[in-house]
Amino acid sequence: HMIDMVTDWLSVGIDPQKCLLMVQSLVPEHAELHLLFSMITPVGWL
């Protein structure tokens, strides 16, 4: 599904030479920052 979706992005003109296309799980720093943020986020907000 991911490959099919990104194929559609590229087909309509999203240009990897002009922007950056990435996969969340290939950048594990997202998960660590999420953990740090979770320590300071009140449950009530969510």
All heavy atoms as atom14 arrays in JSON, in Angstrom:
{
  "sequence": "HMIDMVTDWLSVGIDPQKCLLMVQSLVPEHAELHLLFSMITPVGWL",
  "atom14_mask": [
    [1, 1, 1, 1, 1, 1, 1, 1, 1, 1, 0, 0, 0, 0],
    [1, 1, 1, 1, 1, 1, 1, 1, 0, 0, 0, 0, 0, 0],
    [1, 1, 1, 1, 1, 1, 1, 1, 0, 0, 0, 0, 0, 0],
    [1, 1, 1, 1, 1, 1, 1, 1, 0, 0, 0, 0, 0, 0],
    [1, 1, 1, 1, 1, 1, 1, 1, 0, 0, 0, 0, 0, 0],
    [1, 1, 1, 1, 1, 1, 1, 0, 0, 0, 0, 0, 0, 0],
    [1, 1, 1, 1, 1, 1, 1, 0, 0, 0, 0, 0, 0, 0],
    [1, 1, 1, 1, 1, 1, 1, 1, 0, 0, 0, 0, 0, 0],
    [1, 1, 1, 1, 1, 1, 1, 1, 1, 1, 1, 1, 1, 1],
    [1, 1, 1, 1, 1, 1, 1, 1, 0, 0, 0, 0, 0, 0],
    [1, 1, 1, 1, 1, 1, 0, 0, 0, 0, 0, 0, 0, 0],
    [1, 1, 1, 1, 1, 1, 1, 0, 0, 0, 0, 0, 0, 0],
    [1, 1, 1, 1, 0, 0, 0, 0, 0, 0, 0, 0, 0, 0],
    [1, 1, 1, 1, 1, 1, 1, 1, 0, 0, 0, 0, 0, 0],
    [1, 1, 1, 1, 1, 1, 1, 1, 0, 0, 0, 0, 0, 0],
    [1, 1, 1, 1, 1, 1, 1, 0, 0, 0, 0, 0, 0, 0],
    [1, 1, 1, 1, 1, 1, 1, 1, 1, 0, 0, 0, 0, 0],
    [1, 1, 1, 1, 1, 1, 1, 1, 1, 0, 0, 0, 0, 0],
    [1, 1, 1, 1, 1, 1, 0, 0, 0, 0, 0, 0, 0, 0],
    [1, 1, 1, 1, 1, 1, 1, 1, 0, 0, 0, 0, 0, 0],
    [1, 1, 1, 1, 1, 1, 1, 1, 0, 0, 0, 0, 0, 0],
    [1, 1, 1, 1, 1, 1, 1, 1, 0, 0, 0, 0, 0, 0],
    [1, 1, 1, 1, 1, 1, 1, 0, 0, 0, 0, 0, 0, 0],
    [1, 1, 1, 1, 1, 1, 1, 1, 1, 0, 0, 0, 0, 0],
    [1, 1, 1, 1, 1, 1, 0, 0, 0, 0, 0, 0, 0, 0],
    [1, 1, 1, 1, 1, 1, 1, 1, 0, 0, 0, 0, 0, 0],
    [1, 1, 1, 1, 1, 1, 1, 0, 0, 0, 0, 0, 0, 0],
    [1, 1, 1, 1, 1, 1, 1, 0, 0, 0, 0, 0, 0, 0],
    [1, 1, 1, 1, 1, 1, 1, 1, 1, 0, 0, 0, 0, 0],
    [1, 1, 1, 1, 1, 1, 1, 1, 1, 1, 0, 0, 0, 0],
    [1, 1, 1, 1, 1, 0, 0, 0, 0, 0, 0, 0, 0, 0],
    [1, 1, 1, 1, 1, 1, 1, 1, 1, 0, 0, 0, 0, 0],
    [1, 1, 1, 1, 1, 1, 1, 1, 0, 0, 0, 0, 0, 0],
    [1, 1, 1, 1, 1, 1, 1, 1, 1, 1, 0, 0, 0, 0],
    [1, 1, 1, 1, 1, 1, 1, 1, 0, 0, 0, 0, 0, 0],
    [1, 1, 1, 1, 1, 1, 1, 1, 0, 0, 0, 0, 0, 0],
    [1, 1, 1, 1, 1, 1, 1, 1, 1, 1, 1, 0, 0, 0],
    [1, 1, 1, 1, 1, 1, 0, 0, 0, 0, 0, 0, 0, 0],
    [1, 1, 1, 1, 1, 1, 1, 1, 0, 0, 0, 0, 0, 0],
    [1, 1, 1, 1, 1, 1, 1, 1, 0, 0, 0, 0, 0, 0],
    [1, 1, 1, 1, 1, 1, 1, 0, 0, 0, 0, 0, 0, 0],
    [1, 1, 1, 1, 1, 1, 1, 0, 0, 0, 0, 0, 0, 0],
    [1, 1, 1, 1, 1, 1, 1, 0, 0, 0, 0, 0, 0, 0],
    [1, 1, 1, 1, 0, 0, 0, 0, 0, 0, 0, 0, 0, 0],
    [1, 1, 1, 1, 1, 1, 1, 1, 1, 1, 1, 1, 1, 1],
    [1, 1, 1, 1, 1, 1, 1, 1, 0, 0, 0, 0, 0, 0]
  ],
  "atom14_positions": [
    [[0.84, -1.21, 0.0], [0.0, 0.0, 0.0], [0.87, 1.25, 0.0], [0.55, 2.25, -0.66], [-0.92, 0.0, 1.23], [-1.96, -1.08, 1.21], [-2.52, -1.55, 0.06], [-2.53, -1.78, 2.23], [-3.4, -2.5, 0.35], [-3.42, -2.65, 1.66], [0.0, 0.0, 0.0], [0.0, 0.0, 0.0], [0.0, 0.0, 0.0], [0.0, 0.0, 0.0]],
    [[1.97, 1.22, 0.75], [2.86, 2.37, 0.82], [3.46, 2.67, -0.56], [3.47, 3.83, -1.0], [3.98, 2.1, 1.83], [5.04, 3.17, 1.89], [6.34, 2.78, 3.09], [7.21, 1.46, 2.21], [0.0, 0.0, 0.0], [0.0, 0.0, 0.0], [0.0, 0.0, 0.0], [0.0, 0.0, 0.0], [0.0, 0.0, 0.0], [0.0, 0.0, 0.0]],
    [[3.96, 1.64, -1.24], [4.56, 1.83, -2.55], [3.53, 2.35, -3.55], [3.79, 3.26, -4.35], [5.2, 0.52, -3.06], [6.37, 0.1, -2.15], [5.68, 0.68, -4.5], [7.53, 1.06, -2.14], [0.0, 0.0, 0.0], [0.0, 0.0, 0.0], [0.0, 0.0, 0.0], [0.0, 0.0, 0.0], [0.0, 0.0, 0.0], [0.0, 0.0, 0.0]],
    [[2.31, 1.78, -3.51], [1.25, 2.23, -4.41], [0.91, 3.69, -4.15], [0.7, 4.47, -5.1], [-0.01, 1.37, -4.21], [0.16, -0.04, -4.76], [1.13, -0.28, -5.5], [-0.68, -0.9, -4.43], [0.0, 0.0, 0.0], [0.0, 0.0, 0.0], [0.0, 0.0, 0.0], [0.0, 0.0, 0.0], [0.0, 0.0, 0.0], [0.0, 0.0, 0.0]],
    [[0.83, 4.07, -2.89], [0.49, 5.44, -2.54], [1.55, 6.41, -3.05], [1.23, 7.44, -3.66], [0.33, 5.57, -1.02], [0.0, 6.98, -0.56], [-0.23, 7.07, 1.24], [1.47, 6.89, 1.79], [0.0, 0.0, 0.0], [0.0, 0.0, 0.0], [0.0, 0.0, 0.0], [0.0, 0.0, 0.0], [0.0, 0.0, 0.0], [0.0, 0.0, 0.0]],
    [[2.82, 6.1, -2.8], [3.89, 7.0, -3.2], [4.01, 7.03, -4.73], [4.36, 8.07, -5.3], [5.22, 6.6, -2.53], [6.37, 7.47, -3.02], [5.09, 6.73, -1.02], [0.0, 0.0, 0.0], [0.0, 0.0, 0.0], [0.0, 0.0, 0.0], [0.0, 0.0, 0.0], [0.0, 0.0, 0.0], [0.0, 0.0, 0.0], [0.0, 0.0, 0.0]],
    [[3.69, 5.93, -5.4], [3.66, 5.94, -6.86], [2.67, 6.99, -7.36], [2.93, 7.72, -8.32], [3.28, 4.55, -7.41], [4.28, 3.61, -7.02], [3.18, 4.56, -8.92], [0.0, 0.0, 0.0], [0.0, 0.0, 0.0], [0.0, 0.0, 0.0], [0.0, 0.0, 0.0], [0.0, 0.0, 0.0], [0.0, 0.0, 0.0], [0.0, 0.0, 0.0]],
    [[1.52, 7.07, -6.69], [0.53, 8.1, -7.05], [1.08, 9.5, -6.78], [0.86, 10.43, -7.57], [-0.78, 7.89, -6.28], [-1.64, 6.79, -6.88], [-1.52, 6.53, -8.09], [-2.44, 6.19, -6.14], [0.0, 0.0, 0.0], [0.0, 0.0, 0.0], [0.0, 0.0, 0.0], [0.0, 0.0, 0.0], [0.0, 0.0, 0.0], [0.0, 0.0, 0.0]],
    [[1.78, 9.68, -5.66], [2.39, 10.99, -5.37], [3.3, 11.41, -6.51], [3.23, 12.54, -7.01], [3.23, 10.92, -4.09], [2.5, 10.7, -2.82], [1.16, 10.47, -2.64], [3.09, 10.66, -1.51], [0.88, 10.3, -1.3], [2.04, 10.41, -0.6], [4.38, 10.81, -1.04], [2.26, 10.31, 0.78], [4.61, 10.72, 0.33], [3.56, 10.47, 1.23]],
    [[4.19, 10.49, -6.89], [5.18, 10.8, -7.93], [4.5, 11.01, -9.28], [4.91, 11.88, -10.06], [6.19, 9.66, -8.03], [7.06, 9.43, -6.77], [7.75, 8.07, -6.85], [8.08, 10.54, -6.61], [0.0, 0.0, 0.0], [0.0, 0.0, 0.0], [0.0, 0.0, 0.0], [0.0, 0.0, 0.0], [0.0, 0.0, 0.0], [0.0, 0.0, 0.0]],
    [[3.45, 10.25, -9.55], [2.77, 10.34, -10.84], [2.13, 11.7, -11.07], [2.12, 12.2, -12.2], [1.7, 9.24, -10.94], [2.28, 7.96, -10.9], [0.0, 0.0, 0.0], [0.0, 0.0, 0.0], [0.0, 0.0, 0.0], [0.0, 0.0, 0.0], [0.0, 0.0, 0.0], [0.0, 0.0, 0.0], [0.0, 0.0, 0.0], [0.0, 0.0, 0.0]],
    [[1.6, 12.3, -10.01], [0.92, 13.6, -10.19], [1.89, 14.78, -10.11], [1.47, 15.93, -10.25], [-0.22, 13.79, -9.16], [-1.25, 12.69, -9.28], [0.32, 13.89, -7.74], [0.0, 0.0, 0.0], [0.0, 0.0, 0.0], [0.0, 0.0, 0.0], [0.0, 0.0, 0.0], [0.0, 0.0, 0.0], [0.0, 0.0, 0.0], [0.0, 0.0, 0.0]],
    [[3.17, 14.51, -9.87], [4.13, 15.61, -9.94], [4.91, 15.92, -8.7], [5.65, 16.91, -8.66], [0.0, 0.0, 0.0], [0.0, 0.0, 0.0], [0.0, 0.0, 0.0], [0.0, 0.0, 0.0], [0.0, 0.0, 0.0], [0.0, 0.0, 0.0], [0.0, 0.0, 0.0], [0.0, 0.0, 0.0], [0.0, 0.0, 0.0], [0.0, 0.0, 0.0]],
    [[4.79, 15.12, -7.63], [5.67, 15.29, -6.48], [7.08, 14.9, -6.94], [7.3, 13.77, -7.38], [5.22, 14.43, -5.28], [3.8, 14.82, -4.85], [6.2, 14.58, -4.13], [3.65, 16.24, -4.38], [0.0, 0.0, 0.0], [0.0, 0.0, 0.0], [0.0, 0.0, 0.0], [0.0, 0.0, 0.0], [0.0, 0.0, 0.0], [0.0, 0.0, 0.0]],
    [[8.02, 15.83, -6.84], [9.34, 15.65, -7.42], [10.38, 15.44, -6.33], [10.66, 16.35, -5.55], [9.7, 16.9, -8.24], [11.0, 16.75, -9.01], [11.75, 15.79, -8.75], [11.26, 17.61, -9.88], [0.0, 0.0, 0.0], [0.0, 0.0, 0.0], [0.0, 0.0, 0.0], [0.0, 0.0, 0.0], [0.0, 0.0, 0.0], [0.0, 0.0, 0.0]],
    [[10.99, 14.24, -6.25], [11.99, 13.98, -5.2], [13.25, 14.82, -5.34], [14.07, 14.85, -4.42], [12.29, 12.49, -5.36], [11.88, 12.14, -6.76], [10.74, 13.06, -7.09], [0.0, 0.0, 0.0], [0.0, 0.0, 0.0], [0.0, 0.0, 0.0], [0.0, 0.0, 0.0], [0.0, 0.0, 0.0], [0.0, 0.0, 0.0], [0.0, 0.0, 0.0]],
    [[13.39, 15.53, -6.46], [14.5, 16.47, -6.61], [14.18, 17.83, -5.98], [15.08, 18.63, -5.73], [14.85, 16.66, -8.09], [15.24, 15.39, -8.82], [16.44, 14.72, -8.19], [17.42, 15.37, -7.85], [16.36, 13.4, -8.03], [0.0, 0.0, 0.0], [0.0, 0.0, 0.0], [0.0, 0.0, 0.0], [0.0, 0.0, 0.0], [0.0, 0.0, 0.0]],
    [[12.89, 18.08, -5.75], [12.47, 19.38, -5.2], [12.02, 19.28, -3.74], [11.89, 20.3, -3.07], [11.33, 19.96, -6.03], [11.74, 20.41, -7.42], [10.59, 21.12, -8.12], [11.04, 21.8, -9.4], [11.51, 20.85, -10.41], [0.0, 0.0, 0.0], [0.0, 0.0, 0.0], [0.0, 0.0, 0.0], [0.0, 0.0, 0.0], [0.0, 0.0, 0.0]],
    [[11.75, 18.05, -3.27], [11.29, 17.88, -1.9], [11.89, 16.59, -1.35], [12.63, 15.89, -2.04], [9.76, 17.84, -1.84], [9.03, 16.53, -2.84], [0.0, 0.0, 0.0], [0.0, 0.0, 0.0], [0.0, 0.0, 0.0], [0.0, 0.0, 0.0], [0.0, 0.0, 0.0], [0.0, 0.0, 0.0], [0.0, 0.0, 0.0], [0.0, 0.0, 0.0]],
    [[11.58, 16.3, -0.11], [12.14, 15.13, 0.55], [11.0, 14.17, 0.88], [10.04, 14.55, 1.55], [12.87, 15.57, 1.82], [13.8, 14.59, 2.51], [14.85, 15.36, 3.32], [13.02, 13.7, 3.45], [0.0, 0.0, 0.0], [0.0, 0.0, 0.0], [0.0, 0.0, 0.0], [0.0, 0.0, 0.0], [0.0, 0.0, 0.0], [0.0, 0.0, 0.0]],
    [[11.1, 12.94, 0.39], [10.1, 11.91, 0.67], [10.71, 10.9, 1.63], [11.78, 10.36, 1.36], [9.68, 11.2, -0.62], [9.08, 12.08, -1.73], [8.74, 11.24, -2.95], [7.84, 12.79, -1.23], [0.0, 0.0, 0.0], [0.0, 0.0, 0.0], [0.0, 0.0, 0.0], [0.0, 0.0, 0.0], [0.0, 0.0, 0.0], [0.0, 0.0, 0.0]],
    [[10.04, 10.65, 2.74], [10.6, 9.76, 3.75], [9.52, 8.85, 4.32], [8.33, 9.1, 4.16], [11.28, 10.55, 4.87], [10.51, 11.73, 5.43], [9.13, 11.35, 6.51], [9.97, 10.59, 7.88], [0.0, 0.0, 0.0], [0.0, 0.0, 0.0], [0.0, 0.0, 0.0], [0.0, 0.0, 0.0], [0.0, 0.0, 0.0], [0.0, 0.0, 0.0]],
    [[9.99, 7.77, 4.99], [9.09, 6.83, 5.66], [9.33, 6.96, 7.16], [10.46, 6.87, 7.64], [9.37, 5.38, 5.21], [8.42, 4.42, 5.92], [9.21, 5.26, 3.7], [0.0, 0.0, 0.0], [0.0, 0.0, 0.0], [0.0, 0.0, 0.0], [0.0, 0.0, 0.0], [0.0, 0.0, 0.0], [0.0, 0.0, 0.0], [0.0, 0.0, 0.0]],
    [[8.27, 7.17, 7.89], [8.33, 7.4, 9.34], [9.17, 6.35, 10.06], [10.07, 6.66, 10.85], [6.9, 7.42, 9.86], [6.71, 7.88, 11.28], [5.23, 7.79, 11.65], [4.54, 6.85, 11.26], [4.75, 8.76, 12.4], [0.0, 0.0, 0.0], [0.0, 0.0, 0.0], [0.0, 0.0, 0.0], [0.0, 0.0, 0.0], [0.0, 0.0, 0.0]],
    [[8.94, 5.08, 9.78], [9.61, 4.02, 10.52], [11.08, 3.87, 10.13], [11.82, 3.16, 10.82], [8.89, 2.68, 10.33], [8.93, 2.27, 8.97], [0.0, 0.0, 0.0], [0.0, 0.0, 0.0], [0.0, 0.0, 0.0], [0.0, 0.0, 0.0], [0.0, 0.0, 0.0], [0.0, 0.0, 0.0], [0.0, 0.0, 0.0], [0.0, 0.0, 0.0]],
    [[11.51, 4.5, 9.04], [12.92, 4.48, 8.66], [13.7, 5.62, 9.32], [14.91, 5.74, 9.13], [13.07, 4.56, 7.13], [12.57, 3.36, 6.33], [12.84, 3.54, 4.85], [13.2, 2.07, 6.84], [0.0, 0.0, 0.0], [0.0, 0.0, 0.0], [0.0, 0.0, 0.0], [0.0, 0.0, 0.0], [0.0, 0.0, 0.0], [0.0, 0.0, 0.0]],
    [[12.99, 6.45, 10.09], [13.64, 7.55, 10.82], [13.27, 7.36, 12.3], [12.36, 7.99, 12.82], [13.17, 8.93, 10.31], [13.99, 10.04, 10.96], [13.31, 9.01, 8.79], [0.0, 0.0, 0.0], [0.0, 0.0, 0.0], [0.0, 0.0, 0.0], [0.0, 0.0, 0.0], [0.0, 0.0, 0.0], [0.0, 0.0, 0.0], [0.0, 0.0, 0.0]],
    [[13.97, 6.46, 13.0], [13.58, 6.11, 14.37], [13.68, 7.26, 15.36], [13.12, 7.18, 16.46], [14.57, 4.99, 14.74], [15.7, 5.11, 13.78], [15.11, 5.66, 12.52], [0.0, 0.0, 0.0], [0.0, 0.0, 0.0], [0.0, 0.0, 0.0], [0.0, 0.0, 0.0], [0.0, 0.0, 0.0], [0.0, 0.0, 0.0], [0.0, 0.0, 0.0]],
    [[14.33, 8.35, 14.97], [14.37, 9.54, 15.83], [12.97, 10.07, 16.12], [12.74, 10.68, 17.18], [15.24, 10.64, 15.18], [16.72, 10.36, 15.2], [17.19, 9.35, 14.18], [16.38, 8.93, 13.32], [18.38, 8.97, 14.21], [0.0, 0.0, 0.0], [0.0, 0.0, 0.0], [0.0, 0.0, 0.0], [0.0, 0.0, 0.0], [0.0, 0.0, 0.0]],
    [[12.03, 9.85, 15.2], [10.63, 10.23, 15.46], [10.13, 9.56, 16.73], [9.45, 10.18, 17.55], [9.73, 9.78, 14.29], [9.86, 10.59, 13.05], [8.78, 11.18, 12.43], [10.93, 10.89, 12.3], [9.19, 11.81, 11.34], [10.49, 11.64, 11.24], [0.0, 0.0, 0.0], [0.0, 0.0, 0.0], [0.0, 0.0, 0.0], [0.0, 0.0, 0.0]],
    [[10.45, 8.27, 16.88], [9.95, 7.5, 18.02], [10.57, 7.99, 19.33], [9.88, 8.07, 20.36], [10.24, 6.02, 17.82], [0.0, 0.0, 0.0], [0.0, 0.0, 0.0], [0.0, 0.0, 0.0], [0.0, 0.0, 0.0], [0.0, 0.0, 0.0], [0.0, 0.0, 0.0], [0.0, 0.0, 0.0], [0.0, 0.0, 0.0], [0.0, 0.0, 0.0]],
    [[11.86, 8.32, 19.31], [12.49, 8.77, 20.55], [11.95, 10.14, 20.97], [11.68, 10.36, 22.16], [14.01, 8.85, 20.39], [14.71, 9.19, 21.7], [16.21, 9.05, 21.64], [16.73, 8.42, 20.7], [16.88, 9.6, 22.55], [0.0, 0.0, 0.0], [0.0, 0.0, 0.0], [0.0, 0.0, 0.0], [0.0, 0.0, 0.0], [0.0, 0.0, 0.0]],
    [[11.78, 11.03, 20.0], [11.22, 12.34, 20.36], [9.79, 12.19, 20.85], [9.35, 12.88, 21.78], [11.29, 13.3, 19.17], [10.89, 14.74, 19.48], [11.81, 15.36, 20.54], [10.9, 15.6, 18.21], [0.0, 0.0, 0.0], [0.0, 0.0, 0.0], [0.0, 0.0, 0.0], [0.0, 0.0, 0.0], [0.0, 0.0, 0.0], [0.0, 0.0, 0.0]],
    [[9.05, 11.26, 20.24], [7.68, 10.97, 20.69], [7.7, 10.54, 22.15], [6.86, 10.97, 22.96], [7.08, 9.88, 19.81], [5.83, 9.26, 20.33], [5.68, 7.91, 20.49], [4.67, 9.81, 20.76], [4.46, 7.65, 20.98], [3.84, 8.78, 21.15], [0.0, 0.0, 0.0], [0.0, 0.0, 0.0], [0.0, 0.0, 0.0], [0.0, 0.0, 0.0]],
    [[8.66, 9.69, 22.52], [8.75, 9.24, 23.91], [9.02, 10.42, 24.84], [8.38, 10.55, 25.9], [9.87, 8.21, 24.03], [10.19, 7.74, 25.46], [9.0, 7.0, 26.05], [11.44, 6.86, 25.47], [0.0, 0.0, 0.0], [0.0, 0.0, 0.0], [0.0, 0.0, 0.0], [0.0, 0.0, 0.0], [0.0, 0.0, 0.0], [0.0, 0.0, 0.0]],
    [[9.95, 11.29, 24.45], [10.26, 12.45, 25.29], [9.05, 13.37, 25.42], [8.75, 13.86, 26.52], [11.45, 13.21, 24.7], [12.77, 12.43, 24.6], [13.85, 13.31, 23.98], [13.21, 11.91, 25.96], [0.0, 0.0, 0.0], [0.0, 0.0, 0.0], [0.0, 0.0, 0.0], [0.0, 0.0, 0.0], [0.0, 0.0, 0.0], [0.0, 0.0, 0.0]],
    [[8.35, 13.59, 24.32], [7.16, 14.43, 24.37], [6.07, 13.82, 25.24], [5.31, 14.52, 25.92], [6.61, 14.68, 22.97], [7.37, 15.7, 22.15], [7.22, 15.75, 20.77], [8.21, 16.62, 22.76], [7.9, 16.69, 20.02], [8.9, 17.57, 22.01], [8.74, 17.59, 20.63], [0.0, 0.0, 0.0], [0.0, 0.0, 0.0], [0.0, 0.0, 0.0]],
    [[5.96, 12.48, 25.21], [4.9, 11.82, 25.98], [5.07, 12.05, 27.47], [4.09, 11.99, 28.23], [4.87, 10.32, 25.67], [6.0, 9.66, 26.21], [0.0, 0.0, 0.0], [0.0, 0.0, 0.0], [0.0, 0.0, 0.0], [0.0, 0.0, 0.0], [0.0, 0.0, 0.0], [0.0, 0.0, 0.0], [0.0, 0.0, 0.0], [0.0, 0.0, 0.0]],
    [[6.31, 12.31, 27.91], [6.57, 12.54, 29.33], [6.01, 13.88, 29.81], [5.73, 14.04, 31.0], [8.08, 12.49, 29.61], [8.74, 11.19, 29.23], [8.0, 9.78, 30.11], [8.99, 8.43, 29.45], [0.0, 0.0, 0.0], [0.0, 0.0, 0.0], [0.0, 0.0, 0.0], [0.0, 0.0, 0.0], [0.0, 0.0, 0.0], [0.0, 0.0, 0.0]],
    [[5.84, 14.82, 28.9], [5.42, 16.17, 29.31], [4.0, 16.51, 28.84], [3.52, 17.61, 29.07], [6.4, 17.24, 28.79], [6.36, 17.34, 27.26], [7.83, 16.95, 29.26], [7.12, 18.53, 26.7], [0.0, 0.0, 0.0], [0.0, 0.0, 0.0], [0.0, 0.0, 0.0], [0.0, 0.0, 0.0], [0.0, 0.0, 0.0], [0.0, 0.0, 0.0]],
    [[3.33, 15.54, 28.19], [2.0, 15.82, 27.65], [0.92, 15.31, 28.58], [0.8, 14.09, 28.8], [1.83, 15.15, 26.27], [2.85, 15.6, 25.38], [0.47, 15.48, 25.67], [0.0, 0.0, 0.0], [0.0, 0.0, 0.0], [0.0, 0.0, 0.0], [0.0, 0.0, 0.0], [0.0, 0.0, 0.0], [0.0, 0.0, 0.0], [0.0, 0.0, 0.0]],
    [[0.1, 16.19, 29.16], [-0.99, 15.74, 30.04], [-2.01, 14.88, 29.29], [-2.36, 15.17, 28.15], [-1.64, 17.06, 30.49], [-0.59, 18.1, 30.28], [0.19, 17.66, 29.08], [0.0, 0.0, 0.0], [0.0, 0.0, 0.0], [0.0, 0.0, 0.0], [0.0, 0.0, 0.0], [0.0, 0.0, 0.0], [0.0, 0.0, 0.0], [0.0, 0.0, 0.0]],
    [[-2.48, 13.83, 29.93], [-3.46, 12.95, 29.32], [-4.73, 13.71, 28.96], [-5.39, 13.44, 27.96], [-3.77, 11.76, 30.25], [-4.92, 10.91, 29.7], [-2.53, 10.9, 30.45], [0.0, 0.0, 0.0], [0.0, 0.0, 0.0], [0.0, 0.0, 0.0], [0.0, 0.0, 0.0], [0.0, 0.0, 0.0], [0.0, 0.0, 0.0], [0.0, 0.0, 0.0]],
    [[-5.07, 14.71, 29.78], [-6.27, 15.49, 29.53], [-6.27, 16.16, 28.17], [-7.32, 16.3, 27.54], [0.0, 0.0, 0.0], [0.0, 0.0, 0.0], [0.0, 0.0, 0.0], [0.0, 0.0, 0.0], [0.0, 0.0, 0.0], [0.0, 0.0, 0.0], [0.0, 0.0, 0.0], [0.0, 0.0, 0.0], [0.0, 0.0, 0.0], [0.0, 0.0, 0.0]],
    [[-5.09, 16.61, 27.71], [-5.02, 17.22, 26.38], [-5.47, 16.23, 25.31], [-6.16, 16.61, 24.36], [-3.59, 17.64, 26.06], [-3.06, 18.79, 26.86], [-3.69, 19.47, 27.86], [-1.78, 19.41, 26.69], [-2.87, 20.46, 28.34], [-1.7, 20.46, 27.64], [-0.69, 19.18, 25.84], [-0.57, 21.27, 27.76], [0.44, 20.0, 25.96], [0.49, 21.04, 26.91]],
    [[-5.09, 14.98, 25.47], [-5.38, 13.96, 24.47], [-6.84, 13.5, 24.56], [-7.49, 13.26, 23.54], [-4.45, 12.77, 24.64], [-2.95, 13.11, 24.63], [-2.11, 11.88, 24.91], [-2.55, 13.75, 23.3], [0.0, 0.0, 0.0], [0.0, 0.0, 0.0], [0.0, 0.0, 0.0], [0.0, 0.0, 0.0], [0.0, 0.0, 0.0], [0.0, 0.0, 0.0]]
  ]
}
